[in-house]
Amino acid sequence: MSDLFGLAFPFFGLILLGYFCGWRVRLPETGLAWLTFFIIYVALPALFYRIVAQTPIHELANPAFILAVVVSTATTAALAFAIGLMFRRGNVGEGAIAITIGAYANVGYMGPGLTIAALGQAAASPAALIFACDSVFFFTVVPLLMAMRGRGESLAHTFGLIAKRVLTHPFNIATLLGVVAAALEFKEPDALARMLDFLKNAAAPCALFTLGVTVALRPLRRVPAELGPLLLLKLVGHPAIALVSLSLFGPFSPVWAQTLLLMAALPPALNVFVLARQYHVFVEEASTAVLLGTLSSIVTVTGMLYLLREQLIPLSLF
């Protein structure tokens, strides 16, 4: 059990350290701007590029696994949307943010570091595929639903904006470049490779600390009734749905299946709040969901790590 604690503690410890510093020091949130830029546009792209570029191309060409990821995420998102509509009396905009609370796992900040530390370097390929699939899914679905409110731009303009955001997102660009490098078996010069490794190693610590600070700077005022079902769906329902999806489209290698289960168990991503603030919808609820989901995941993610470590959870139901 001590090794499990040692595995989980650095990740949640960095989040809690960031939360404590944000709560205690109370520096202006604008002070995070350059650190956030470094994480999103430099460190995490370097991480995803290195992960994908160092993976044999035949491992990335896995349509069955991609289908399992998309189906599990889309099913969870549909349930979250239904919960949001039910509690918010059919408000589509608020339902769209509810989708991210209930189905958008923290696959960017927490996912790669935790899965590779827990499952080894073999988890890098499925982690990169899961991230790419989830990014494209949520950066497509949420803007579309927001356009359906009838208050914004035309659907044609929205589709163009979605395509631009998907194609120009630094994470997606880095992943695509990694795929090209893997296909060409491209090896960076030693100096460039060392710099990329520096950036890659800085990504997870900076991202997790920033996540804690960001959550601390948004005080908890009230807990809406829908957050309970949405967080239960995210932390417990999503992994269960992922297991069914793996069983339907598998079998997959144990590491790939375990990676999807572990990443499905992660708490709501910080992008939940980013999207809520972008559309000025469900902002306070999104902030509260990220805070409570992250704190609750200390128990649920550690529990998932234990189940996987002790092989107490089946990797296929059939």
C-alpha atoms as a PDB file:
ATOM      1  CA  MET A   1       0.000   0.000   0.000  1.00  0.00           C
ATOM      2  CA  SER A   2       2.930   2.314   0.690  1.00  0.00           C
ATOM      3  CA  ASP A   3       4.100   2.100  -2.922  1.00  0.00           C
ATOM      4  CA  LEU A   4       0.586   3.059  -4.076  1.00  0.00           C
ATOM      5  CA  PHE A   5       0.655   6.072  -1.765  1.00  0.00           C
ATOM      6  CA  GLY A   6       4.083   6.960  -3.077  1.00  0.00           C
ATOM      7  CA  LEU A   7       2.747   6.804  -6.633  1.00  0.00           C
ATOM      8  CA  ALA A   8      -0.338   8.966  -6.086  1.00  0.00           C
ATOM      9  CA  PHE A   9       1.045  11.442  -3.546  1.00  0.00           C
ATOM     10  CA  PRO A  10       3.365  13.443  -5.856  1.00  0.00           C
ATOM     11  CA  PHE A  11       0.474  14.234  -8.204  1.00  0.00           C
ATOM     12  CA  PHE A  12      -2.125  15.157  -5.617  1.00  0.00           C
ATOM     13  CA  GLY A  13       0.571  16.633  -3.383  1.00  0.00           C
ATOM     14  CA  LEU A  14       1.479  19.151  -6.101  1.00  0.00           C
ATOM     15  CA  ILE A  15      -2.194  20.069  -6.542  1.00  0.00           C
ATOM     16  CA  LEU A  16      -2.654  20.508  -2.791  1.00  0.00           C
ATOM     17  CA  LEU A  17       0.593  22.476  -2.550  1.00  0.00           C
ATOM     18  CA  GLY A  18      -0.634  24.796  -5.289  1.00  0.00           C
ATOM     19  CA  TYR A  19      -4.002  25.086  -3.558  1.00  0.00           C
ATOM     20  CA  PHE A  20      -2.347  25.937  -0.231  1.00  0.00           C
ATOM     21  CA  CYS A  21      -0.092  28.555  -1.828  1.00  0.00           C
ATOM     22  CA  GLY A  22      -3.001  30.096  -3.719  1.00  0.00           C
ATOM     23  CA  TRP A  23      -5.138  30.192  -0.559  1.00  0.00           C
ATOM     24  CA  ARG A  24      -2.390  31.483   1.698  1.00  0.00           C
ATOM     25  CA  VAL A  25      -0.478  33.970  -0.464  1.00  0.00           C
ATOM     26  CA  ARG A  26      -3.418  35.356  -2.498  1.00  0.00           C
ATOM     27  CA  LEU A  27      -1.385  36.841  -5.333  1.00  0.00           C
ATOM     28  CA  PRO A  28      -3.468  38.220  -8.225  1.00  0.00           C
ATOM     29  CA  GLU A  29      -4.585  35.609 -10.730  1.00  0.00           C
ATOM     30  CA  THR A  30      -2.980  37.640 -13.509  1.00  0.00           C
ATOM     31  CA  GLY A  31       0.347  36.424 -12.126  1.00  0.00           C
ATOM     32  CA  LEU A  32      -0.434  32.984 -13.586  1.00  0.00           C
ATOM     33  CA  ALA A  33      -0.631  34.276 -17.146  1.00  0.00           C
ATOM     34  CA  TRP A  34       2.915  33.503 -18.281  1.00  0.00           C
ATOM     35  CA  LEU A  35       3.044  30.210 -16.398  1.00  0.00           C
ATOM     36  CA  THR A  36      -0.224  29.168 -18.018  1.00  0.00           C
ATOM     37  CA  PHE A  37       1.158  30.188 -21.417  1.00  0.00           C
ATOM     38  CA  PHE A  38       4.299  28.133 -20.788  1.00  0.00           C
ATOM     39  CA  ILE A  39       2.235  25.081 -19.838  1.00  0.00           C
ATOM     40  CA  ILE A  40      -0.250  25.230 -22.716  1.00  0.00           C
ATOM     41  CA  TYR A  41       1.964  26.458 -25.547  1.00  0.00           C
ATOM     42  CA  VAL A  42       5.404  25.090 -24.640  1.00  0.00           C
ATOM     43  CA  ALA A  43       5.688  22.378 -21.966  1.00  0.00           C
ATOM     44  CA  LEU A  44       2.634  20.193 -22.613  1.00  0.00           C
ATOM     45  CA  PRO A  45       3.060  20.308 -26.418  1.00  0.00           C
ATOM     46  CA  ALA A  46       6.668  19.176 -25.912  1.00  0.00           C
ATOM     47  CA  LEU A  47       5.405  16.354 -23.695  1.00  0.00           C
ATOM     48  CA  PHE A  48       2.855  15.142 -26.236  1.00  0.00           C
ATOM     49  CA  TYR A  49       5.282  15.460 -29.129  1.00  0.00           C
ATOM     50  CA  ARG A  50       7.918  13.383 -27.345  1.00  0.00           C
ATOM     51  CA  ILE A  51       5.383  10.779 -26.242  1.00  0.00           C
ATOM     52  CA  VAL A  52       3.967  10.295 -29.737  1.00  0.00           C
ATOM     53  CA  ALA A  53       7.211  10.705 -31.696  1.00  0.00           C
ATOM     54  CA  GLN A  54       8.896   7.975 -29.662  1.00  0.00           C
ATOM     55  CA  THR A  55       6.022   5.557 -30.275  1.00  0.00           C
ATOM     56  CA  PRO A  56       6.143   3.125 -33.212  1.00  0.00           C
ATOM     57  CA  ILE A  57       3.647   4.233 -35.846  1.00  0.00           C
ATOM     58  CA  HIS A  58       1.903   0.850 -35.905  1.00  0.00           C
ATOM     59  CA  GLU A  59       0.907   1.355 -32.263  1.00  0.00           C
ATOM     60  CA  LEU A  60      -0.755   4.680 -33.060  1.00  0.00           C
ATOM     61  CA  ALA A  61      -2.820   3.221 -35.919  1.00  0.00           C
ATOM     62  CA  ASN A  62      -5.359   1.521 -33.679  1.00  0.00           C
ATOM     63  CA  PRO A  63      -8.898   2.290 -34.939  1.00  0.00           C
ATOM     64  CA  ALA A  64     -10.570  -0.175 -32.548  1.00  0.00           C
ATOM     65  CA  PHE A  65      -9.058   1.577 -29.528  1.00  0.00           C
ATOM     66  CA  ILE A  66      -9.938   5.014 -30.895  1.00  0.00           C
ATOM     67  CA  LEU A  67     -13.526   3.814 -31.342  1.00  0.00           C
ATOM     68  CA  ALA A  68     -13.604   2.505 -27.765  1.00  0.00           C
ATOM     69  CA  VAL A  69     -12.374   5.890 -26.473  1.00  0.00           C
ATOM     70  CA  VAL A  70     -14.854   7.932 -28.519  1.00  0.00           C
ATOM     71  CA  VAL A  71     -17.832   5.717 -27.645  1.00  0.00           C
ATOM     72  CA  SER A  72     -17.076   5.749 -23.920  1.00  0.00           C
ATOM     73  CA  THR A  73     -16.583   9.533 -23.879  1.00  0.00           C
ATOM     74  CA  ALA A  74     -19.643  10.236 -26.052  1.00  0.00           C
ATOM     75  CA  THR A  75     -21.881   7.953 -23.964  1.00  0.00           C
ATOM     76  CA  THR A  76     -20.757   9.600 -20.735  1.00  0.00           C
ATOM     77  CA  ALA A  77     -21.242  13.036 -22.325  1.00  0.00           C
ATOM     78  CA  ALA A  78     -24.808  12.154 -23.390  1.00  0.00           C
ATOM     79  CA  LEU A  79     -25.676  11.133 -19.818  1.00  0.00           C
ATOM     80  CA  ALA A  80     -24.097  14.320 -18.439  1.00  0.00           C
ATOM     81  CA  PHE A  81     -26.072  16.416 -20.939  1.00  0.00           C
ATOM     82  CA  ALA A  82     -29.297  14.726 -19.847  1.00  0.00           C
ATOM     83  CA  ILE A  83     -28.492  15.469 -16.193  1.00  0.00           C
ATOM     84  CA  GLY A  84     -27.702  19.096 -17.026  1.00  0.00           C
ATOM     85  CA  LEU A  85     -30.911  19.581 -19.006  1.00  0.00           C
ATOM     86  CA  MET A  86     -32.988  17.966 -16.274  1.00  0.00           C
ATOM     87  CA  PHE A  87     -31.616  20.138 -13.464  1.00  0.00           C
ATOM     88  CA  ARG A  88     -31.432  23.303 -15.582  1.00  0.00           C
ATOM     89  CA  ARG A  89     -34.885  23.001 -17.160  1.00  0.00           C
ATOM     90  CA  GLY A  90     -33.709  22.490 -20.701  1.00  0.00           C
ATOM     91  CA  ASN A  91     -31.056  25.235 -20.796  1.00  0.00           C
ATOM     92  CA  VAL A  92     -28.779  24.021 -23.608  1.00  0.00           C
ATOM     93  CA  GLY A  93     -25.858  26.318 -22.753  1.00  0.00           C
ATOM     94  CA  GLU A  94     -25.715  25.166 -19.145  1.00  0.00           C
ATOM     95  CA  GLY A  95     -26.210  21.590 -20.317  1.00  0.00           C
ATOM     96  CA  ALA A  96     -23.159  21.967 -22.581  1.00  0.00           C
ATOM     97  CA  ILE A  97     -20.950  22.883 -19.622  1.00  0.00           C
ATOM     98  CA  ALA A  98     -22.533  20.040 -17.629  1.00  0.00           C
ATOM     99  CA  ILE A  99     -21.205  17.712 -20.347  1.00  0.00           C
ATOM    100  CA  THR A 100     -17.647  18.792 -19.598  1.00  0.00           C
ATOM    101  CA  ILE A 101     -18.125  18.363 -15.840  1.00  0.00           C
ATOM    102  CA  GLY A 102     -19.467  14.844 -16.231  1.00  0.00           C
ATOM    103  CA  ALA A 103     -17.289  13.568 -19.079  1.00  0.00           C
ATOM    104  CA  TYR A 104     -14.169  15.714 -19.719  1.00  0.00           C
ATOM    105  CA  ALA A 105     -11.394  14.064 -17.698  1.00  0.00           C
ATOM    106  CA  ASN A 106      -8.180  15.862 -16.805  1.00  0.00           C
ATOM    107  CA  VAL A 107      -6.311  14.053 -19.577  1.00  0.00           C
ATOM    108  CA  GLY A 108      -3.931  16.965 -20.219  1.00  0.00           C
ATOM    109  CA  TYR A 109      -2.565  18.031 -16.834  1.00  0.00           C
ATOM    110  CA  MET A 110      -2.823  14.779 -14.866  1.00  0.00           C
ATOM    111  CA  GLY A 111      -3.265  12.061 -17.472  1.00  0.00           C
ATOM    112  CA  PRO A 112       0.163  11.532 -19.094  1.00  0.00           C
ATOM    113  CA  GLY A 113       2.278  11.832 -15.948  1.00  0.00           C
ATOM    114  CA  LEU A 114       0.043   9.639 -13.806  1.00  0.00           C
ATOM    115  CA  THR A 115      -0.508   6.878 -16.357  1.00  0.00           C
ATOM    116  CA  ILE A 116       3.167   6.639 -17.328  1.00  0.00           C
ATOM    117  CA  ALA A 117       4.243   6.627 -13.672  1.00  0.00           C
ATOM    118  CA  ALA A 118       1.673   3.959 -12.808  1.00  0.00           C
ATOM    119  CA  LEU A 119       1.792   1.769 -15.906  1.00  0.00           C
ATOM    120  CA  GLY A 120       5.163   2.476 -17.494  1.00  0.00           C
ATOM    121  CA  GLN A 121       6.284   3.992 -20.777  1.00  0.00           C
ATOM    122  CA  ALA A 122       3.976   1.620 -22.673  1.00  0.00           C
ATOM    123  CA  ALA A 123       1.055   3.796 -21.511  1.00  0.00           C
ATOM    124  CA  ALA A 124       2.345   6.742 -23.547  1.00  0.00           C
ATOM    125  CA  SER A 125       0.707   5.725 -26.837  1.00  0.00           C
ATOM    126  CA  PRO A 126      -2.820   5.142 -25.516  1.00  0.00           C
ATOM    127  CA  ALA A 127      -2.555   8.265 -23.324  1.00  0.00           C
ATOM    128  CA  ALA A 128      -1.742  10.388 -26.373  1.00  0.00           C
ATOM    129  CA  LEU A 129      -4.598   8.890 -28.387  1.00  0.00           C
ATOM    130  CA  ILE A 130      -7.084   9.423 -25.544  1.00  0.00           C
ATOM    131  CA  PHE A 131      -6.013  13.048 -25.192  1.00  0.00           C
ATOM    132  CA  ALA A 132      -6.324  13.729 -28.920  1.00  0.00           C
ATOM    133  CA  CYS A 133      -9.760  12.074 -29.150  1.00  0.00           C
ATOM    134  CA  ASP A 134     -11.141  13.907 -26.113  1.00  0.00           C
ATOM    135  CA  SER A 135      -9.767  17.269 -27.253  1.00  0.00           C
ATOM    136  CA  VAL A 136     -11.350  17.015 -30.688  1.00  0.00           C
ATOM    137  CA  PHE A 137     -14.632  15.757 -29.199  1.00  0.00           C
ATOM    138  CA  PHE A 138     -15.151  18.470 -26.587  1.00  0.00           C
ATOM    139  CA  PHE A 139     -13.792  21.357 -28.662  1.00  0.00           C
ATOM    140  CA  THR A 140     -16.358  20.353 -31.283  1.00  0.00           C
ATOM    141  CA  VAL A 141     -19.440  19.450 -29.241  1.00  0.00           C
ATOM    142  CA  VAL A 142     -19.438  22.375 -26.808  1.00  0.00           C
ATOM    143  CA  PRO A 143     -19.236  25.156 -29.454  1.00  0.00           C
ATOM    144  CA  LEU A 144     -21.924  23.400 -31.495  1.00  0.00           C
ATOM    145  CA  LEU A 145     -24.295  23.247 -28.540  1.00  0.00           C
ATOM    146  CA  MET A 146     -23.569  26.858 -27.682  1.00  0.00           C
ATOM    147  CA  ALA A 147     -24.474  27.803 -31.264  1.00  0.00           C
ATOM    148  CA  MET A 148     -27.800  25.998 -30.848  1.00  0.00           C
ATOM    149  CA  ARG A 149     -28.831  28.542 -28.229  1.00  0.00           C
ATOM    150  CA  GLY A 150     -29.587  30.895 -31.103  1.00  0.00           C
ATOM    151  CA  ARG A 151     -27.680  33.797 -29.611  1.00  0.00           C
ATOM    152  CA  GLY A 152     -24.390  33.587 -31.431  1.00  0.00           C
ATOM    153  CA  GLU A 153     -23.012  33.225 -34.908  1.00  0.00           C
ATOM    154  CA  SER A 154     -24.398  31.073 -37.703  1.00  0.00           C
ATOM    155  CA  LEU A 155     -23.687  27.345 -37.781  1.00  0.00           C
ATOM    156  CA  ALA A 156     -21.400  27.838 -40.797  1.00  0.00           C
ATOM    157  CA  HIS A 157     -19.330  30.362 -38.862  1.00  0.00           C
ATOM    158  CA  THR A 158     -19.323  28.049 -35.846  1.00  0.00           C
ATOM    159  CA  PHE A 159     -18.091  25.075 -37.909  1.00  0.00           C
ATOM    160  CA  GLY A 160     -15.310  27.237 -39.311  1.00  0.00           C
ATOM    161  CA  LEU A 161     -14.342  28.391 -35.839  1.00  0.00           C
ATOM    162  CA  ILE A 162     -14.360  24.807 -34.559  1.00  0.00           C
ATOM    163  CA  ALA A 163     -12.129  23.638 -37.411  1.00  0.00           C
ATOM    164  CA  LYS A 164      -9.714  26.498 -36.763  1.00  0.00           C
ATOM    165  CA  ARG A 165      -9.516  25.786 -33.027  1.00  0.00           C
ATOM    166  CA  VAL A 166      -9.060  22.053 -33.507  1.00  0.00           C
ATOM    167  CA  LEU A 167      -6.383  22.471 -36.177  1.00  0.00           C
ATOM    168  CA  THR A 168      -4.486  25.265 -34.391  1.00  0.00           C
ATOM    169  CA  HIS A 169      -4.680  23.964 -30.814  1.00  0.00           C
ATOM    170  CA  PRO A 170      -1.063  23.540 -29.639  1.00  0.00           C
ATOM    171  CA  PHE A 171      -1.775  20.098 -28.154  1.00  0.00           C
ATOM    172  CA  ASN A 172      -3.252  18.830 -31.413  1.00  0.00           C
ATOM    173  CA  ILE A 173      -0.435  20.354 -33.493  1.00  0.00           C
ATOM    174  CA  ALA A 174       2.162  18.714 -31.246  1.00  0.00           C
ATOM    175  CA  THR A 175       0.383  15.365 -31.457  1.00  0.00           C
ATOM    176  CA  LEU A 176       0.165  15.601 -35.262  1.00  0.00           C
ATOM    177  CA  LEU A 177       3.866  16.493 -35.527  1.00  0.00           C
ATOM    178  CA  GLY A 178       4.618  13.553 -33.265  1.00  0.00           C
ATOM    179  CA  VAL A 179       2.675  11.224 -35.575  1.00  0.00           C
ATOM    180  CA  VAL A 180       4.622  12.544 -38.579  1.00  0.00           C
ATOM    181  CA  ALA A 181       7.924  12.114 -36.722  1.00  0.00           C
ATOM    182  CA  ALA A 182       6.957   8.567 -35.726  1.00  0.00           C
ATOM    183  CA  ALA A 183       5.968   7.710 -39.307  1.00  0.00           C
ATOM    184  CA  LEU A 184       9.254   9.081 -40.667  1.00  0.00           C
ATOM    185  CA  GLU A 185      11.260   7.663 -37.738  1.00  0.00           C
ATOM    186  CA  PHE A 186      12.685  11.153 -37.298  1.00  0.00           C
ATOM    187  CA  LYS A 187      15.326  11.613 -34.593  1.00  0.00           C
ATOM    188  CA  GLU A 188      15.992  15.100 -33.261  1.00  0.00           C
ATOM    189  CA  PRO A 189      19.557  16.399 -32.895  1.00  0.00           C
ATOM    190  CA  ASP A 190      20.906  15.712 -29.408  1.00  0.00           C
ATOM    191  CA  ALA A 191      20.755  19.344 -28.289  1.00  0.00           C
ATOM    192  CA  LEU A 192      17.141  19.730 -29.395  1.00  0.00           C
ATOM    193  CA  ALA A 193      16.200  16.380 -27.879  1.00  0.00           C
ATOM    194  CA  ARG A 194      17.641  17.420 -24.511  1.00  0.00           C
ATOM    195  CA  MET A 195      15.725  20.704 -24.583  1.00  0.00           C
ATOM    196  CA  LEU A 196      12.497  18.856 -25.414  1.00  0.00           C
ATOM    197  CA  ASP A 197      13.154  16.506 -22.512  1.00  0.00           C
ATOM    198  CA  PHE A 198      13.627  19.481 -20.170  1.00  0.00           C
ATOM    199  CA  LEU A 199      10.295  20.888 -21.301  1.00  0.00           C
ATOM    200  CA  LYS A 200       8.586  17.498 -21.128  1.00  0.00           C
ATOM    201  CA  ASN A 201       9.758  16.947 -17.551  1.00  0.00           C
ATOM    202  CA  ALA A 202       8.537  20.410 -16.515  1.00  0.00           C
ATOM    203  CA  ALA A 203       5.016  19.930 -17.916  1.00  0.00           C
ATOM    204  CA  ALA A 204       3.311  17.838 -15.251  1.00  0.00           C
ATOM    205  CA  PRO A 205       4.728  19.610 -12.122  1.00  0.00           C
ATOM    206  CA  CYS A 206       3.929  23.072 -13.478  1.00  0.00           C
ATOM    207  CA  ALA A 207       0.477  22.046 -14.674  1.00  0.00           C
ATOM    208  CA  LEU A 208      -0.534  20.346 -11.428  1.00  0.00           C
ATOM    209  CA  PHE A 209       0.724  23.218  -9.250  1.00  0.00           C
ATOM    210  CA  THR A 210      -1.083  25.736 -11.459  1.00  0.00           C
ATOM    211  CA  LEU A 211      -4.270  23.688 -11.256  1.00  0.00           C
ATOM    212  CA  GLY A 212      -4.167  23.880  -7.455  1.00  0.00           C
ATOM    213  CA  VAL A 213      -3.516  27.640  -7.437  1.00  0.00           C
ATOM    214  CA  THR A 214      -6.262  28.293  -9.987  1.00  0.00           C
ATOM    215  CA  VAL A 215      -8.843  26.357  -7.992  1.00  0.00           C
ATOM    216  CA  ALA A 216      -7.824  28.103  -4.749  1.00  0.00           C
ATOM    217  CA  LEU A 217      -8.361  31.542  -6.273  1.00  0.00           C
ATOM    218  CA  ARG A 218     -12.031  30.730  -6.910  1.00  0.00           C
ATOM    219  CA  PRO A 219     -13.717  30.439  -3.518  1.00  0.00           C
ATOM    220  CA  LEU A 220     -16.416  27.826  -2.935  1.00  0.00           C
ATOM    221  CA  ARG A 221     -19.715  29.641  -2.441  1.00  0.00           C
ATOM    222  CA  ARG A 222     -22.424  27.042  -2.965  1.00  0.00           C
ATOM    223  CA  VAL A 223     -22.783  23.520  -4.303  1.00  0.00           C
ATOM    224  CA  PRO A 224     -25.579  23.191  -6.898  1.00  0.00           C
ATOM    225  CA  ALA A 225     -27.657  20.024  -6.674  1.00  0.00           C
ATOM    226  CA  GLU A 226     -26.590  18.767 -10.105  1.00  0.00           C
ATOM    227  CA  LEU A 227     -22.889  18.623  -9.203  1.00  0.00           C
ATOM    228  CA  GLY A 228     -23.394  15.495  -7.083  1.00  0.00           C
ATOM    229  CA  PRO A 229     -24.758  13.353  -9.952  1.00  0.00           C
ATOM    230  CA  LEU A 230     -22.334  14.877 -12.463  1.00  0.00           C
ATOM    231  CA  LEU A 231     -19.248  14.190 -10.346  1.00  0.00           C
ATOM    232  CA  LEU A 232     -20.480  10.693  -9.527  1.00  0.00           C
ATOM    233  CA  LEU A 233     -20.848  10.100 -13.262  1.00  0.00           C
ATOM    234  CA  LYS A 234     -17.353  11.477 -13.926  1.00  0.00           C
ATOM    235  CA  LEU A 235     -15.462   9.649 -11.208  1.00  0.00           C
ATOM    236  CA  VAL A 236     -17.364   6.348 -11.100  1.00  0.00           C
ATOM    237  CA  GLY A 237     -19.681   6.121 -14.101  1.00  0.00           C
ATOM    238  CA  HIS A 238     -17.135   7.092 -16.745  1.00  0.00           C
ATOM    239  CA  PRO A 239     -14.682   4.291 -15.832  1.00  0.00           C
ATOM    240  CA  ALA A 240     -17.562   1.789 -15.776  1.00  0.00           C
ATOM    241  CA  ILE A 241     -18.703   2.926 -19.236  1.00  0.00           C
ATOM    242  CA  ALA A 242     -15.090   2.753 -20.460  1.00  0.00           C
ATOM    243  CA  LEU A 243     -14.897  -0.864 -19.264  1.00  0.00           C
ATOM    244  CA  VAL A 244     -18.022  -1.750 -21.249  1.00  0.00           C
ATOM    245  CA  SER A 245     -16.606   0.007 -24.314  1.00  0.00           C
ATOM    246  CA  LEU A 246     -13.307  -1.858 -23.992  1.00  0.00           C
ATOM    247  CA  SER A 247     -15.224  -5.115 -23.778  1.00  0.00           C
ATOM    248  CA  LEU A 248     -17.256  -4.325 -26.902  1.00  0.00           C
ATOM    249  CA  PHE A 249     -14.387  -3.237 -29.161  1.00  0.00           C
ATOM    250  CA  GLY A 250     -11.488  -5.209 -27.656  1.00  0.00           C
ATOM    251  CA  PRO A 251      -9.602  -7.170 -26.686  1.00  0.00           C
ATOM    252  CA  PHE A 252      -6.713  -4.770 -26.114  1.00  0.00           C
ATOM    253  CA  SER A 253      -3.362  -5.214 -24.452  1.00  0.00           C
ATOM    254  CA  PRO A 254      -3.581  -4.896 -20.641  1.00  0.00           C
ATOM    255  CA  VAL A 255      -1.621  -1.619 -20.560  1.00  0.00           C
ATOM    256  CA  TRP A 256      -3.881   0.023 -23.156  1.00  0.00           C
ATOM    257  CA  ALA A 257      -7.048  -1.066 -21.359  1.00  0.00           C
ATOM    258  CA  GLN A 258      -5.681   0.025 -17.979  1.00  0.00           C
ATOM    259  CA  THR A 259      -4.697   3.413 -19.407  1.00  0.00           C
ATOM    260  CA  LEU A 260      -8.234   4.096 -20.616  1.00  0.00           C
ATOM    261  CA  LEU A 261      -9.743   3.019 -17.280  1.00  0.00           C
ATOM    262  CA  LEU A 262      -7.313   5.165 -15.284  1.00  0.00           C
ATOM    263  CA  MET A 263      -7.742   8.245 -17.468  1.00  0.00           C
ATOM    264  CA  ALA A 264     -11.541   7.844 -17.409  1.00  0.00           C
ATOM    265  CA  ALA A 265     -11.373   7.943 -13.597  1.00  0.00           C
ATOM    266  CA  LEU A 266      -9.623  11.337 -13.547  1.00  0.00           C
ATOM    267  CA  PRO A 267     -11.508  14.399 -12.239  1.00  0.00           C
ATOM    268  CA  PRO A 268     -12.986  17.157 -14.436  1.00  0.00           C
ATOM    269  CA  ALA A 269     -10.373  19.054 -16.419  1.00  0.00           C
ATOM    270  CA  LEU A 270      -9.499  22.681 -15.746  1.00  0.00           C
ATOM    271  CA  ASN A 271     -10.771  23.349 -19.287  1.00  0.00           C
ATOM    272  CA  VAL A 272     -14.274  22.939 -17.808  1.00  0.00           C
ATOM    273  CA  PHE A 273     -13.843  26.327 -16.167  1.00  0.00           C
ATOM    274  CA  VAL A 274     -12.089  27.765 -19.232  1.00  0.00           C
ATOM    275  CA  LEU A 275     -15.040  26.877 -21.479  1.00  0.00           C
ATOM    276  CA  ALA A 276     -17.574  28.136 -18.936  1.00  0.00           C
ATOM    277  CA  ARG A 277     -15.795  31.478 -18.681  1.00  0.00           C
ATOM    278  CA  GLN A 278     -15.439  31.721 -22.453  1.00  0.00           C
ATOM    279  CA  TYR A 279     -19.213  31.444 -22.945  1.00  0.00           C
ATOM    280  CA  HIS A 280     -20.185  33.178 -19.657  1.00  0.00           C
ATOM    281  CA  VAL A 281     -22.326  30.181 -18.703  1.00  0.00           C
ATOM    282  CA  PHE A 282     -22.275  28.050 -15.532  1.00  0.00           C
ATOM    283  CA  VAL A 283     -19.039  29.749 -14.424  1.00  0.00           C
ATOM    284  CA  GLU A 284     -19.359  29.453 -10.640  1.00  0.00           C
ATOM    285  CA  GLU A 285     -20.692  25.907 -10.900  1.00  0.00           C
ATOM    286  CA  ALA A 286     -17.796  24.900 -13.171  1.00  0.00           C
ATOM    287  CA  SER A 287     -15.233  26.308 -10.743  1.00  0.00           C
ATOM    288  CA  THR A 288     -16.851  24.450  -7.851  1.00  0.00           C
ATOM    289  CA  ALA A 289     -16.963  21.228  -9.889  1.00  0.00           C
ATOM    290  CA  VAL A 290     -13.226  21.384 -10.639  1.00  0.00           C
ATOM    291  CA  LEU A 291     -12.438  21.943  -6.954  1.00  0.00           C
ATOM    292  CA  LEU A 292     -14.728  19.239  -5.566  1.00  0.00           C
ATOM    293  CA  GLY A 293     -13.917  16.804  -8.357  1.00  0.00           C
ATOM    294  CA  THR A 294     -10.172  17.169  -7.813  1.00  0.00           C
ATOM    295  CA  LEU A 295     -10.490  16.699  -4.057  1.00  0.00           C
ATOM    296  CA  SER A 296     -12.809  13.696  -4.455  1.00  0.00           C
ATOM    297  CA  SER A 297     -10.492  12.093  -6.980  1.00  0.00           C
ATOM    298  CA  ILE A 298      -7.835  11.704  -4.300  1.00  0.00           C
ATOM    299  CA  VAL A 299      -9.981   8.800  -3.102  1.00  0.00           C
ATOM    300  CA  THR A 300     -11.380   7.535  -6.400  1.00  0.00           C
ATOM    301  CA  VAL A 301      -8.180   7.696  -8.480  1.00  0.00           C
ATOM    302  CA  THR A 302      -6.156   6.110  -5.682  1.00  0.00           C
ATOM    303  CA  GLY A 303      -8.839   3.423  -5.520  1.00  0.00           C
ATOM    304  CA  MET A 304      -8.579   2.824  -9.268  1.00  0.00           C
ATOM    305  CA  LEU A 305      -4.782   2.595  -9.004  1.00  0.00           C
ATOM    306  CA  TYR A 306      -5.184  -0.024  -6.267  1.00  0.00           C
ATOM    307  CA  LEU A 307      -7.691  -2.057  -8.293  1.00  0.00           C
ATOM    308  CA  LEU A 308      -5.425  -2.011 -11.336  1.00  0.00           C
ATOM    309  CA  ARG A 309      -2.273  -2.736  -9.353  1.00  0.00           C
ATOM    310  CA  GLU A 310      -3.852  -5.739  -7.616  1.00  0.00           C
ATOM    311  CA  GLN A 311      -5.637  -6.861 -10.823  1.00  0.00           C
ATOM    312  CA  LEU A 312      -8.991  -6.723  -9.044  1.00  0.00           C
ATOM    313  CA  ILE A 313     -10.848  -5.177 -11.968  1.00  0.00           C
ATOM    314  CA  PRO A 314     -11.475  -7.145 -15.190  1.00  0.00           C
ATOM    315  CA  LEU A 315     -10.162  -5.645 -18.399  1.00  0.00           C
ATOM    316  CA  SER A 316     -13.012  -7.198 -20.369  1.00  0.00           C
ATOM    317  CA  LEU A 317     -16.525  -8.204 -19.320  1.00  0.00           C
ATOM    318  CA  PHE A 318     -16.882 -10.853 -21.999  1.00  0.00           C
END
